[in-house]
PDB file of N, CA and C in Angstrom:
ATOM      1  N   MET A   1     -60.138  53.094   5.356  1.00  0.00           N
ATOM      2  CA  MET A   1     -59.027  53.292   4.636  1.00  0.00           C
ATOM      3  C   MET A   1     -58.329  52.337   5.053  1.00  0.00           C
ATOM      4  N   ASN A   2     -58.442  51.744   6.269  1.00  0.00           N
ATOM      5  CA  ASN A   2     -57.187  50.637   6.602  1.00  0.00           C
ATOM      6  C   ASN A   2     -57.930  49.479   5.771  1.00  0.00           C
ATOM      7  N   SER A   3     -59.179  49.184   5.724  1.00  0.00           N
ATOM      8  CA  SER A   3     -59.606  47.760   5.208  1.00  0.00           C
ATOM      9  C   SER A   3     -59.100  47.791   3.485  1.00  0.00           C
ATOM     10  N   ILE A   4     -58.737  49.633   2.913  1.00  0.00           N
ATOM     11  CA  ILE A   4     -58.080  49.520   1.556  1.00  0.00           C
ATOM     12  C   ILE A   4     -56.773  49.042   1.466  1.00  0.00           C
ATOM     13  N   ARG A   5     -56.214  49.386   2.362  1.00  0.00           N
ATOM     14  CA  ARG A   5     -54.766  49.288   2.420  1.00  0.00           C
ATOM     15  C   ARG A   5     -54.526  47.721   2.304  1.00  0.00           C
ATOM     16  N   LYS A   6     -55.311  46.933   3.424  1.00  0.00           N
ATOM     17  CA  LYS A   6     -54.948  45.594   3.339  1.00  0.00           C
ATOM     18  C   LYS A   6     -55.791  45.010   1.896  1.00  0.00           C
ATOM     19  N   ILE A   7     -56.413  45.148   1.358  1.00  0.00           N
ATOM     20  CA  ILE A   7     -56.642  44.956   0.015  1.00  0.00           C
ATOM     21  C   ILE A   7     -55.833  45.212  -1.019  1.00  0.00           C
ATOM     22  N   LEU A   8     -55.120  46.179  -0.995  1.00  0.00           N
ATOM     23  CA  LEU A   8     -54.158  46.458  -1.721  1.00  0.00           C
ATOM     24  C   LEU A   8     -52.911  45.788  -1.704  1.00  0.00           C
ATOM     25  N   LEU A   9     -52.492  45.821  -0.279  1.00  0.00           N
ATOM     26  CA  LEU A   9     -51.510  44.691   0.472  1.00  0.00           C
ATOM     27  C   LEU A   9     -51.637  43.368  -0.223  1.00  0.00           C
ATOM     28  N   ILE A  10     -52.909  42.890  -0.367  1.00  0.00           N
ATOM     29  CA  ILE A  10     -52.942  41.501  -0.538  1.00  0.00           C
ATOM     30  C   ILE A  10     -52.913  41.150  -2.295  1.00  0.00           C
ATOM     31  N   SER A  11     -53.172  42.351  -2.772  1.00  0.00           N
ATOM     32  CA  SER A  11     -53.481  42.331  -4.508  1.00  0.00           C
ATOM     33  C   SER A  11     -52.089  42.427  -5.007  1.00  0.00           C
ATOM     34  N   LEU A  12     -51.141  43.203  -4.005  1.00  0.00           N
ATOM     35  CA  LEU A  12     -49.788  43.620  -4.666  1.00  0.00           C
ATOM     36  C   LEU A  12     -48.809  42.165  -4.118  1.00  0.00           C
ATOM     37  N   PHE A  13     -49.056  41.781  -3.315  1.00  0.00           N
ATOM     38  CA  PHE A  13     -47.995  40.700  -2.515  1.00  0.00           C
ATOM     39  C   PHE A  13     -48.558  39.116  -2.764  1.00  0.00           C
ATOM     40  N   LEU A  14     -50.067  38.975  -3.200  1.00  0.00           N
ATOM     41  CA  LEU A  14     -50.142  37.686  -3.237  1.00  0.00           C
ATOM     42  C   LEU A  14     -49.310  36.855  -4.494  1.00  0.00           C
ATOM     43  N   PRO A  15     -49.450  37.472  -5.530  1.00  0.00           N
ATOM     44  CA  PRO A  15     -48.459  36.563  -6.489  1.00  0.00           C
ATOM     45  C   PRO A  15     -46.868  36.920  -5.882  1.00  0.00           C
ATOM     46  N   PHE A  16     -46.787  37.740  -5.414  1.00  0.00           N
ATOM     47  CA  PHE A  16     -45.165  37.748  -4.632  1.00  0.00           C
ATOM     48  C   PHE A  16     -44.762  36.825  -3.812  1.00  0.00           C
ATOM     49  N   THR A  17     -45.819  36.600  -3.090  1.00  0.00           N
ATOM     50  CA  THR A  17     -45.489  35.271  -1.900  1.00  0.00           C
ATOM     51  C   THR A  17     -45.719  34.221  -2.714  1.00  0.00           C
ATOM     52  N   ALA A  18     -46.296  33.748  -3.705  1.00  0.00           N
ATOM     53  CA  ALA A  18     -46.759  32.550  -4.391  1.00  0.00           C
ATOM     54  C   ALA A  18     -45.452  32.319  -4.852  1.00  0.00           C
ATOM     55  N   PHE A  19     -45.210  33.476  -5.710  1.00  0.00           N
ATOM     56  CA  PHE A  19     -43.591  33.331  -6.249  1.00  0.00           C
ATOM     57  C   PHE A  19     -42.392  32.817  -5.630  1.00  0.00           C
ATOM     58  N   ALA A  20     -42.453  33.616  -4.530  1.00  0.00           N
ATOM     59  CA  ALA A  20     -41.108  33.454  -3.912  1.00  0.00           C
ATOM     60  C   ALA A  20     -41.306  31.978  -3.002  1.00  0.00           C
ATOM     61  N   ASP A  21     -42.325  31.521  -2.860  1.00  0.00           N
ATOM     62  CA  ASP A  21     -42.795  30.311  -2.388  1.00  0.00           C
ATOM     63  C   ASP A  21     -42.168  29.048  -2.965  1.00  0.00           C
ATOM     64  N   GLY A  22     -42.493  29.410  -4.452  1.00  0.00           N
ATOM     65  CA  GLY A  22     -42.121  28.140  -5.413  1.00  0.00           C
ATOM     66  C   GLY A  22     -40.775  28.006  -5.814  1.00  0.00           C
ATOM     67  N   LYS A  23     -40.070  28.991  -6.313  1.00  0.00           N
ATOM     68  CA  LYS A  23     -38.731  29.075  -7.132  1.00  0.00           C
ATOM     69  C   LYS A  23     -37.717  29.248  -5.908  1.00  0.00           C
ATOM     70  N   ILE A  24     -38.130  30.234  -5.145  1.00  0.00           N
ATOM     71  CA  ILE A  24     -37.259  30.676  -3.966  1.00  0.00           C
ATOM     72  C   ILE A  24     -36.954  29.816  -2.861  1.00  0.00           C
ATOM     73  N   GLY A  25     -38.292  29.623  -2.246  1.00  0.00           N
ATOM     74  CA  GLY A  25     -38.700  28.677  -1.177  1.00  0.00           C
ATOM     75  C   GLY A  25     -38.836  29.515   0.343  1.00  0.00           C
ATOM     76  N   ILE A  26     -39.340  30.829   0.254  1.00  0.00           N
ATOM     77  CA  ILE A  26     -39.719  31.638   1.088  1.00  0.00           C
ATOM     78  C   ILE A  26     -40.919  32.367   1.168  1.00  0.00           C
ATOM     79  N   ALA A  27     -41.738  32.682   2.269  1.00  0.00           N
ATOM     80  CA  ALA A  27     -43.028  32.963   2.644  1.00  0.00           C
ATOM     81  C   ALA A  27     -42.664  34.123   3.354  1.00  0.00           C
ATOM     82  N   ALA A  28     -42.958  35.177   3.270  1.00  0.00           N
ATOM     83  CA  ALA A  28     -42.508  36.634   3.963  1.00  0.00           C
ATOM     84  C   ALA A  28     -43.959  37.714   4.348  1.00  0.00           C
ATOM     85  N   GLY A  29     -43.754  38.263   5.328  1.00  0.00           N
ATOM     86  CA  GLY A  29     -44.582  39.170   6.049  1.00  0.00           C
ATOM     87  C   GLY A  29     -44.054  40.632   5.492  1.00  0.00           C
ATOM     88  N   VAL A  30     -45.074  41.115   4.717  1.00  0.00           N
ATOM     89  CA  VAL A  30     -44.565  42.319   3.970  1.00  0.00           C
ATOM     90  C   VAL A  30     -45.191  43.511   4.108  1.00  0.00           C
ATOM     91  N   SER A  31     -44.636  44.560   4.952  1.00  0.00           N
ATOM     92  CA  SER A  31     -45.821  45.891   4.930  1.00  0.00           C
ATOM     93  C   SER A  31     -45.623  46.732   4.082  1.00  0.00           C
ATOM     94  N   VAL A  32     -46.239  47.813   3.793  1.00  0.00           N
ATOM     95  CA  VAL A  32     -46.032  48.559   2.905  1.00  0.00           C
ATOM     96  C   VAL A  32     -46.820  49.984   3.391  1.00  0.00           C
ATOM     97  N   ASP A  33     -46.422  50.851   2.962  1.00  0.00           N
ATOM     98  CA  ASP A  33     -46.777  52.511   3.293  1.00  0.00           C
ATOM     99  C   ASP A  33     -47.107  53.186   1.697  1.00  0.00           C
ATOM    100  N   GLY A  34     -48.086  53.591   2.205  1.00  0.00           N
ATOM    101  CA  GLY A  34     -48.671  54.736   0.436  1.00  0.00           C
ATOM    102  C   GLY A  34     -49.816  53.992  -0.246  1.00  0.00           C
ATOM    103  N   PHE A  35     -50.559  54.620  -1.033  1.00  0.00           N
ATOM    104  CA  PHE A  35     -51.656  54.246  -1.691  1.00  0.00           C
ATOM    105  C   PHE A  35     -51.442  53.724  -3.228  1.00  0.00           C
ATOM    106  N   PHE A  36     -50.940  55.023  -4.001  1.00  0.00           N
ATOM    107  CA  PHE A  36     -51.012  55.114  -5.329  1.00  0.00           C
ATOM    108  C   PHE A  36     -49.463  54.773  -5.535  1.00  0.00           C
ATOM    109  N   SER A  37     -48.507  54.588  -4.539  1.00  0.00           N
ATOM    110  CA  SER A  37     -47.082  54.088  -4.918  1.00  0.00           C
ATOM    111  C   SER A  37     -46.556  54.052  -3.604  1.00  0.00           C
ATOM    112  N   PRO A  38     -47.003  52.679  -3.374  1.00  0.00           N
ATOM    113  CA  PRO A  38     -46.683  52.413  -2.285  1.00  0.00           C
ATOM    114  C   PRO A  38     -45.259  51.811  -1.958  1.00  0.00           C
ATOM    115  N   GLU A  39     -44.668  51.869  -1.037  1.00  0.00           N
ATOM    116  CA  GLU A  39     -43.302  51.647  -0.602  1.00  0.00           C
ATOM    117  C   GLU A  39     -43.117  50.645   0.640  1.00  0.00           C
ATOM    118  N   ILE A  40     -42.302  49.485   0.511  1.00  0.00           N
ATOM    119  CA  ILE A  40     -42.174  48.997   1.408  1.00  0.00           C
ATOM    120  C   ILE A  40     -41.486  48.962   2.772  1.00  0.00           C
ATOM    121  N   THR A  41     -42.371  48.720   3.893  1.00  0.00           N
ATOM    122  CA  THR A  41     -41.483  49.457   5.005  1.00  0.00           C
ATOM    123  C   THR A  41     -40.921  48.295   5.976  1.00  0.00           C
ATOM    124  N   GLU A  42     -41.628  47.141   5.759  1.00  0.00           N
ATOM    125  CA  GLU A  42     -40.878  45.778   6.435  1.00  0.00           C
ATOM    126  C   GLU A  42     -41.038  44.855   5.491  1.00  0.00           C
ATOM    127  N   PHE A  43     -40.038  43.619   5.571  1.00  0.00           N
ATOM    128  CA  PHE A  43     -39.928  42.531   4.787  1.00  0.00           C
ATOM    129  C   PHE A  43     -39.253  41.326   5.933  1.00  0.00           C
ATOM    130  N   LYS A  44     -40.144  40.801   6.376  1.00  0.00           N
ATOM    131  CA  LYS A  44     -39.786  39.880   7.593  1.00  0.00           C
ATOM    132  C   LYS A  44     -39.910  38.326   6.993  1.00  0.00           C
ATOM    133  N   ILE A  45     -38.992  37.601   7.254  1.00  0.00           N
ATOM    134  CA  ILE A  45     -38.981  36.134   6.352  1.00  0.00           C
ATOM    135  C   ILE A  45     -40.213  35.469   7.358  1.00  0.00           C
ATOM    136  N   ASP A  46     -40.972  34.727   7.019  1.00  0.00           N
ATOM    137  CA  ASP A  46     -41.904  34.173   7.942  1.00  0.00           C
ATOM    138  C   ASP A  46     -41.535  32.350   7.716  1.00  0.00           C
ATOM    139  N   LYS A  47     -41.209  32.011   6.985  1.00  0.00           N
ATOM    140  CA  LYS A  47     -41.119  30.697   6.556  1.00  0.00           C
ATOM    141  C   LYS A  47     -39.664  30.522   5.583  1.00  0.00           C
ATOM    142  N   VAL A  48     -39.352  29.365   5.623  1.00  0.00           N
ATOM    143  CA  VAL A  48     -38.318  28.989   4.818  1.00  0.00           C
ATOM    144  C   VAL A  48     -38.546  27.146   4.662  1.00  0.00           C
ATOM    145  N   HIS A  49     -38.579  26.943   3.228  1.00  0.00           N
ATOM    146  CA  HIS A  49     -38.872  25.837   3.060  1.00  0.00           C
ATOM    147  C   HIS A  49     -37.694  24.715   2.676  1.00  0.00           C
ATOM    148  N   PRO A  50     -37.917  23.636   3.803  1.00  0.00           N
ATOM    149  CA  PRO A  50     -36.517  22.749   3.855  1.00  0.00           C
ATOM    150  C   PRO A  50     -36.098  22.462   2.535  1.00  0.00           C
ATOM    151  N   GLY A  51     -34.711  22.388   1.815  1.00  0.00           N
ATOM    152  CA  GLY A  51     -34.402  22.015   0.913  1.00  0.00           C
ATOM    153  C   GLY A  51     -34.542  23.512  -0.520  1.00  0.00           C
ATOM    154  N   SER A  52     -34.699  24.218  -0.224  1.00  0.00           N
ATOM    155  CA  SER A  52     -35.450  25.437  -0.879  1.00  0.00           C
ATOM    156  C   SER A  52     -33.662  26.045  -1.267  1.00  0.00           C
ATOM    157  N   PRO A  53     -33.997  26.850  -2.493  1.00  0.00           N
ATOM    158  CA  PRO A  53     -32.937  27.541  -2.416  1.00  0.00           C
ATOM    159  C   PRO A  53     -32.362  28.555  -1.550  1.00  0.00           C
ATOM    160  N   ALA A  54     -33.721  29.217  -0.907  1.00  0.00           N
ATOM    161  CA  ALA A  54     -33.842  30.150   0.230  1.00  0.00           C
ATOM    162  C   ALA A  54     -32.544  29.220   1.321  1.00  0.00           C
ATOM    163  N   GLU A  55     -32.757  28.437   1.656  1.00  0.00           N
ATOM    164  CA  GLU A  55     -32.719  27.719   2.485  1.00  0.00           C
ATOM    165  C   GLU A  55     -30.893  27.349   2.727  1.00  0.00           C
ATOM    166  N   LYS A  56     -30.863  26.870   1.315  1.00  0.00           N
ATOM    167  CA  LYS A  56     -29.228  26.631   0.756  1.00  0.00           C
ATOM    168  C   LYS A  56     -28.321  27.799   0.868  1.00  0.00           C
ATOM    169  N   ALA A  57     -29.196  29.055   0.802  1.00  0.00           N
ATOM    170  CA  ALA A  57     -28.395  30.146   0.947  1.00  0.00           C
ATOM    171  C   ALA A  57     -28.145  30.640   2.174  1.00  0.00           C
ATOM    172  N   GLY A  58     -28.678  30.060   3.141  1.00  0.00           N
ATOM    173  CA  GLY A  58     -28.684  30.495   4.589  1.00  0.00           C
ATOM    174  C   GLY A  58     -29.905  31.510   4.983  1.00  0.00           C
ATOM    175  N   VAL A  59     -30.955  31.584   4.323  1.00  0.00           N
ATOM    176  CA  VAL A  59     -31.956  32.363   5.084  1.00  0.00           C
ATOM    177  C   VAL A  59     -32.879  32.028   5.782  1.00  0.00           C
ATOM    178  N   LYS A  60     -33.058  32.388   6.972  1.00  0.00           N
ATOM    179  CA  LYS A  60     -33.614  32.006   8.475  1.00  0.00           C
ATOM    180  C   LYS A  60     -34.990  32.913   8.542  1.00  0.00           C
ATOM    181  N   VAL A  61     -36.062  32.112   9.183  1.00  0.00           N
ATOM    182  CA  VAL A  61     -37.008  32.348   9.850  1.00  0.00           C
ATOM    183  C   VAL A  61     -36.650  33.735  10.336  1.00  0.00           C
ATOM    184  N   GLY A  62     -37.440  34.907  10.958  1.00  0.00           N
ATOM    185  CA  GLY A  62     -37.066  36.067  11.469  1.00  0.00           C
ATOM    186  C   GLY A  62     -36.029  37.027  10.676  1.00  0.00           C
ATOM    187  N   GLN A  63     -35.216  36.607  10.017  1.00  0.00           N
ATOM    188  CA  GLN A  63     -34.591  37.620   9.120  1.00  0.00           C
ATOM    189  C   GLN A  63     -35.343  38.696   8.684  1.00  0.00           C
ATOM    190  N   LEU A  64     -34.855  40.212   8.594  1.00  0.00           N
ATOM    191  CA  LEU A  64     -35.788  41.120   8.469  1.00  0.00           C
ATOM    192  C   LEU A  64     -34.812  41.411   6.650  1.00  0.00           C
ATOM    193  N   VAL A  65     -35.300  41.396   5.723  1.00  0.00           N
ATOM    194  CA  VAL A  65     -34.575  42.119   4.353  1.00  0.00           C
ATOM    195  C   VAL A  65     -34.467  43.489   4.350  1.00  0.00           C
ATOM    196  N   ILE A  66     -33.187  43.636   4.545  1.00  0.00           N
ATOM    197  CA  ILE A  66     -32.980  45.310   4.334  1.00  0.00           C
ATOM    198  C   ILE A  66     -32.707  45.713   2.986  1.00  0.00           C
ATOM    199  N   GLU A  67     -32.010  44.879   2.211  1.00  0.00           N
ATOM    200  CA  GLU A  67     -32.204  45.035   0.610  1.00  0.00           C
ATOM    201  C   GLU A  67     -32.156  44.066   0.063  1.00  0.00           C
ATOM    202  N   LEU A  68     -32.995  44.394  -0.919  1.00  0.00           N
ATOM    203  CA  LEU A  68     -33.680  42.943  -2.179  1.00  0.00           C
ATOM    204  C   LEU A  68     -32.704  43.653  -3.629  1.00  0.00           C
ATOM    205  N   ASP A  69     -31.853  42.888  -3.551  1.00  0.00           N
ATOM    206  CA  ASP A  69     -31.244  43.100  -5.173  1.00  0.00           C
ATOM    207  C   ASP A  69     -31.112  44.691  -5.502  1.00  0.00           C
ATOM    208  N   GLY A  70     -30.189  45.541  -4.565  1.00  0.00           N
ATOM    209  CA  GLY A  70     -29.745  46.428  -4.455  1.00  0.00           C
ATOM    210  C   GLY A  70     -31.064  47.698  -3.856  1.00  0.00           C
ATOM    211  N   CYS A  71     -32.152  47.325  -3.901  1.00  0.00           N
ATOM    212  CA  CYS A  71     -33.276  48.192  -3.738  1.00  0.00           C
ATOM    213  C   CYS A  71     -33.391  48.337  -1.729  1.00  0.00           C
ATOM    214  N   LYS A  72     -33.287  49.239  -1.494  1.00  0.00           N
ATOM    215  CA  LYS A  72     -33.258  49.596  -0.224  1.00  0.00           C
ATOM    216  C   LYS A  72     -34.434  49.200   0.561  1.00  0.00           C
ATOM    217  N   ILE A  73     -34.779  48.760   2.153  1.00  0.00           N
ATOM    218  CA  ILE A  73     -36.285  48.799   2.656  1.00  0.00           C
ATOM    219  C   ILE A  73     -35.409  49.121   3.887  1.00  0.00           C
ATOM    220  N   PRO A  74     -36.365  50.025   4.724  1.00  0.00           N
ATOM    221  CA  PRO A  74     -37.766  50.676   4.032  1.00  0.00           C
ATOM    222  C   PRO A  74     -37.545  51.625   2.738  1.00  0.00           C
ATOM    223  N   GLY A  75     -38.176  51.626   1.915  1.00  0.00           N
ATOM    224  CA  GLY A  75     -38.104  52.882   1.088  1.00  0.00           C
ATOM    225  C   GLY A  75     -38.459  52.227  -0.623  1.00  0.00           C
ATOM    226  N   CYS A  76     -38.191  50.561  -0.366  1.00  0.00           N
ATOM    227  CA  CYS A  76     -38.114  50.007  -1.895  1.00  0.00           C
ATOM    228  C   CYS A  76     -39.911  50.078  -2.214  1.00  0.00           C
ATOM    229  N   PRO A  77     -39.635  50.434  -3.831  1.00  0.00           N
ATOM    230  CA  PRO A  77     -41.147  50.682  -3.972  1.00  0.00           C
ATOM    231  C   PRO A  77     -41.617  49.214  -4.117  1.00  0.00           C
ATOM    232  N   ALA A  78     -42.994  48.856  -4.180  1.00  0.00           N
ATOM    233  CA  ALA A  78     -43.645  47.759  -3.945  1.00  0.00           C
ATOM    234  C   ALA A  78     -43.624  46.971  -5.425  1.00  0.00           C
ATOM    235  N   ASP A  79     -43.758  47.697  -6.374  1.00  0.00           N
ATOM    236  CA  ASP A  79     -43.668  47.265  -8.217  1.00  0.00           C
ATOM    237  C   ASP A  79     -42.529  46.817  -7.791  1.00  0.00           C
ATOM    238  N   LYS A  80     -41.527  47.795  -8.041  1.00  0.00           N
ATOM    239  CA  LYS A  80     -40.245  47.386  -8.038  1.00  0.00           C
ATOM    240  C   LYS A  80     -39.920  46.182  -7.271  1.00  0.00           C
ATOM    241  N   ALA A  81     -40.123  45.753  -6.288  1.00  0.00           N
ATOM    242  CA  ALA A  81     -39.626  44.679  -5.628  1.00  0.00           C
ATOM    243  C   ALA A  81     -40.182  43.391  -6.017  1.00  0.00           C
ATOM    244  N   LYS A  82     -41.662  43.884  -6.452  1.00  0.00           N
ATOM    245  CA  LYS A  82     -42.029  42.364  -7.301  1.00  0.00           C
ATOM    246  C   LYS A  82     -41.138  42.134  -8.626  1.00  0.00           C
ATOM    247  N   LYS A  83     -40.836  43.080  -9.371  1.00  0.00           N
ATOM    248  CA  LYS A  83     -39.914  42.764 -10.760  1.00  0.00           C
ATOM    249  C   LYS A  83     -38.670  42.283 -10.046  1.00  0.00           C
ATOM    250  N   LEU A  84     -38.002  42.698  -9.156  1.00  0.00           N
ATOM    251  CA  LEU A  84     -36.432  42.059  -8.793  1.00  0.00           C
ATOM    252  C   LEU A  84     -36.782  40.556  -8.334  1.00  0.00           C
ATOM    253  N   MET A  85     -37.818  40.321  -7.697  1.00  0.00           N
ATOM    254  CA  MET A  85     -37.995  38.874  -7.309  1.00  0.00           C
ATOM    255  C   MET A  85     -38.157  37.939  -8.474  1.00  0.00           C
ATOM    256  N   ASP A  86     -38.815  38.445  -9.553  1.00  0.00           N
ATOM    257  CA  ASP A  86     -39.136  37.923 -10.606  1.00  0.00           C
ATOM    258  C   ASP A  86     -37.716  37.351 -11.623  1.00  0.00           C
ATOM    259  N   LYS A  87     -37.327  36.590 -10.625  1.00  0.00           N
ATOM    260  CA  LYS A  87     -35.651  36.143 -11.409  1.00  0.00           C
ATOM    261  C   LYS A  87     -36.293  34.678 -12.317  1.00  0.00           C
ATOM    262  N   GLU A  88     -35.218  34.514 -13.463  1.00  0.00           N
ATOM    263  CA  GLU A  88     -35.399  32.951 -14.160  1.00  0.00           C
ATOM    264  C   GLU A  88     -34.555  32.139 -13.217  1.00  0.00           C
ATOM    265  N   ILE A  89     -35.044  30.960 -13.711  1.00  0.00           N
ATOM    266  CA  ILE A  89     -34.104  29.940 -13.231  1.00  0.00           C
ATOM    267  C   ILE A  89     -32.430  29.913 -13.698  1.00  0.00           C
ATOM    268  N   GLY A  90     -31.946  29.813 -12.426  1.00  0.00           N
ATOM    269  CA  GLY A  90     -30.528  29.939 -12.582  1.00  0.00           C
ATOM    270  C   GLY A  90     -29.860  31.292 -12.096  1.00  0.00           C
ATOM    271  N   GLU A  91     -30.580  32.254 -12.005  1.00  0.00           N
ATOM    272  CA  GLU A  91     -30.256  33.873 -11.984  1.00  0.00           C
ATOM    273  C   GLU A  91     -30.265  33.854 -10.613  1.00  0.00           C
ATOM    274  N   ILE A  92     -29.276  34.670  -9.712  1.00  0.00           N
ATOM    275  CA  ILE A  92     -29.458  35.044  -8.294  1.00  0.00           C
ATOM    276  C   ILE A  92     -29.726  36.142  -7.959  1.00  0.00           C
ATOM    277  N   LEU A  93     -30.550  35.731  -6.543  1.00  0.00           N
ATOM    278  CA  LEU A  93     -31.203  36.874  -5.981  1.00  0.00           C
ATOM    279  C   LEU A  93     -30.419  37.294  -4.979  1.00  0.00           C
ATOM    280  N   PRO A  94     -29.953  38.505  -4.689  1.00  0.00           N
ATOM    281  CA  PRO A  94     -29.363  39.002  -3.486  1.00  0.00           C
ATOM    282  C   PRO A  94     -29.967  39.571  -2.560  1.00  0.00           C
ATOM    283  N   LEU A  95     -29.945  39.432  -1.520  1.00  0.00           N
ATOM    284  CA  LEU A  95     -30.575  39.525   0.013  1.00  0.00           C
ATOM    285  C   LEU A  95     -29.604  40.178   0.779  1.00  0.00           C
ATOM    286  N   LEU A  96     -29.688  41.430   1.360  1.00  0.00           N
ATOM    287  CA  LEU A  96     -29.063  41.728   2.413  1.00  0.00           C
ATOM    288  C   LEU A  96     -29.759  41.562   3.844  1.00  0.00           C
ATOM    289  N   VAL A  97     -29.491  40.907   4.326  1.00  0.00           N
ATOM    290  CA  VAL A  97     -30.533  40.133   5.656  1.00  0.00           C
ATOM    291  C   VAL A  97     -29.920  41.145   7.388  1.00  0.00           C
ATOM    292  N   LYS A  98     -31.362  41.150   8.073  1.00  0.00           N
ATOM    293  CA  LYS A  98     -30.513  41.744   9.247  1.00  0.00           C
ATOM    294  C   LYS A  98     -31.047  40.627  10.190  1.00  0.00           C
ATOM    295  N   ASN A  99     -30.053  39.708  10.597  1.00  0.00           N
ATOM    296  CA  ASN A  99     -30.190  38.477  11.897  1.00  0.00           C
ATOM    297  C   ASN A  99     -30.967  39.067  12.873  1.00  0.00           C
ATOM    298  N   LEU A 100     -31.554  38.001  14.036  1.00  0.00           N
ATOM    299  CA  LEU A 100     -32.285  38.461  14.927  1.00  0.00           C
ATOM    300  C   LEU A 100     -31.009  39.004  16.130  1.00  0.00           C
ATOM    301  N   ASP A 101     -29.732  38.692  16.032  1.00  0.00           N
ATOM    302  CA  ASP A 101     -28.475  39.587  17.008  1.00  0.00           C
ATOM    303  C   ASP A 101     -28.246  40.719  16.493  1.00  0.00           C
ATOM    304  N   GLY A 102     -29.420  41.212  15.541  1.00  0.00           N
ATOM    305  CA  GLY A 102     -28.750  42.387  14.707  1.00  0.00           C
ATOM    306  C   GLY A 102     -27.333  42.643  13.823  1.00  0.00           C
ATOM    307  N   GLY A 103     -26.923  41.657  13.486  1.00  0.00           N
ATOM    308  CA  GLY A 103     -25.613  41.515  12.675  1.00  0.00           C
ATOM    309  C   GLY A 103     -26.469  41.379  11.111  1.00  0.00           C
ATOM    310  N   LYS A 104     -25.624  42.083  10.357  1.00  0.00           N
ATOM    311  CA  LYS A 104     -26.346  42.057   8.845  1.00  0.00           C
ATOM    312  C   LYS A 104     -25.286  41.002   7.710  1.00  0.00           C
ATOM    313  N   VAL A 105     -26.136  40.170   6.601  1.00  0.00           N
ATOM    314  CA  VAL A 105     -24.935  39.574   6.176  1.00  0.00           C
ATOM    315  C   VAL A 105     -26.032  39.491   4.752  1.00  0.00           C
ATOM    316  N   LEU A 106     -25.225  39.478   3.266  1.00  0.00           N
ATOM    317  CA  LEU A 106     -25.710  39.375   2.190  1.00  0.00           C
ATOM    318  C   LEU A 106     -25.708  37.930   2.066  1.00  0.00           C
ATOM    319  N   LEU A 107     -26.922  37.334   1.548  1.00  0.00           N
ATOM    320  CA  LEU A 107     -27.403  36.071   0.949  1.00  0.00           C
ATOM    321  C   LEU A 107     -27.463  36.374  -0.479  1.00  0.00           C
ATOM    322  N   LYS A 108     -27.164  35.000  -1.059  1.00  0.00           N
ATOM    323  CA  LYS A 108     -27.432  34.931  -2.515  1.00  0.00           C
ATOM    324  C   LYS A 108     -28.179  33.705  -2.789  1.00  0.00           C
ATOM    325  N   ILE A 109     -29.090  34.209  -3.417  1.00  0.00           N
ATOM    326  CA  ILE A 109     -30.278  32.892  -3.611  1.00  0.00           C
ATOM    327  C   ILE A 109     -29.985  32.544  -5.177  1.00  0.00           C
ATOM    328  N   HIS A 110     -29.646  31.622  -5.137  1.00  0.00           N
ATOM    329  CA  HIS A 110     -29.406  30.619  -6.777  1.00  0.00           C
ATOM    330  C   HIS A 110     -30.883  30.118  -6.838  1.00  0.00           C
ATOM    331  N   VAL A 111     -31.916  31.173  -7.678  1.00  0.00           N
ATOM    332  CA  VAL A 111     -32.845  30.671  -8.038  1.00  0.00           C
ATOM    333  C   VAL A 111     -33.374  29.050  -8.826  1.00  0.00           C
ATOM    334  N   GLY A 112     -34.024  28.551  -8.397  1.00  0.00           N
ATOM    335  CA  GLY A 112     -33.953  27.264  -8.965  1.00  0.00           C
ATOM    336  C   GLY A 112     -35.822  26.388  -9.259  1.00  0.00           C
ATOM    337  N   GLU A 113     -36.010  25.348  -9.501  1.00  0.00           N
ATOM    338  CA  GLU A 113     -36.763  24.876  -9.624  1.00  0.00           C
ATOM    339  C   GLU A 113     -37.950  24.220  -8.245  1.00  0.00           C
TER     340      GLU A 113
END
């Protein structure tokens, strides 16, 4: 069952990570729970590309995303999270993040090329 969950994770989030890596400029470790209707349990920033929209918005490695465009984490459905991340160039992606020191901050990423 564990290997099935990993395959599901890869199939759900490979496009998500690739998109985020391009227009937004982040790579993240995402954990989910559930098989048929997976929900995100953790969304941790692993990499922020220099000069990217995410870096300009103040996103830092190690931050935990606790809300993605109004969808709270843990609990945000994985398919909904993918749709929320699919912003057009010029749109804003709001992320509520928890810093390493426990503080919370709302960051607004202006999606770019």
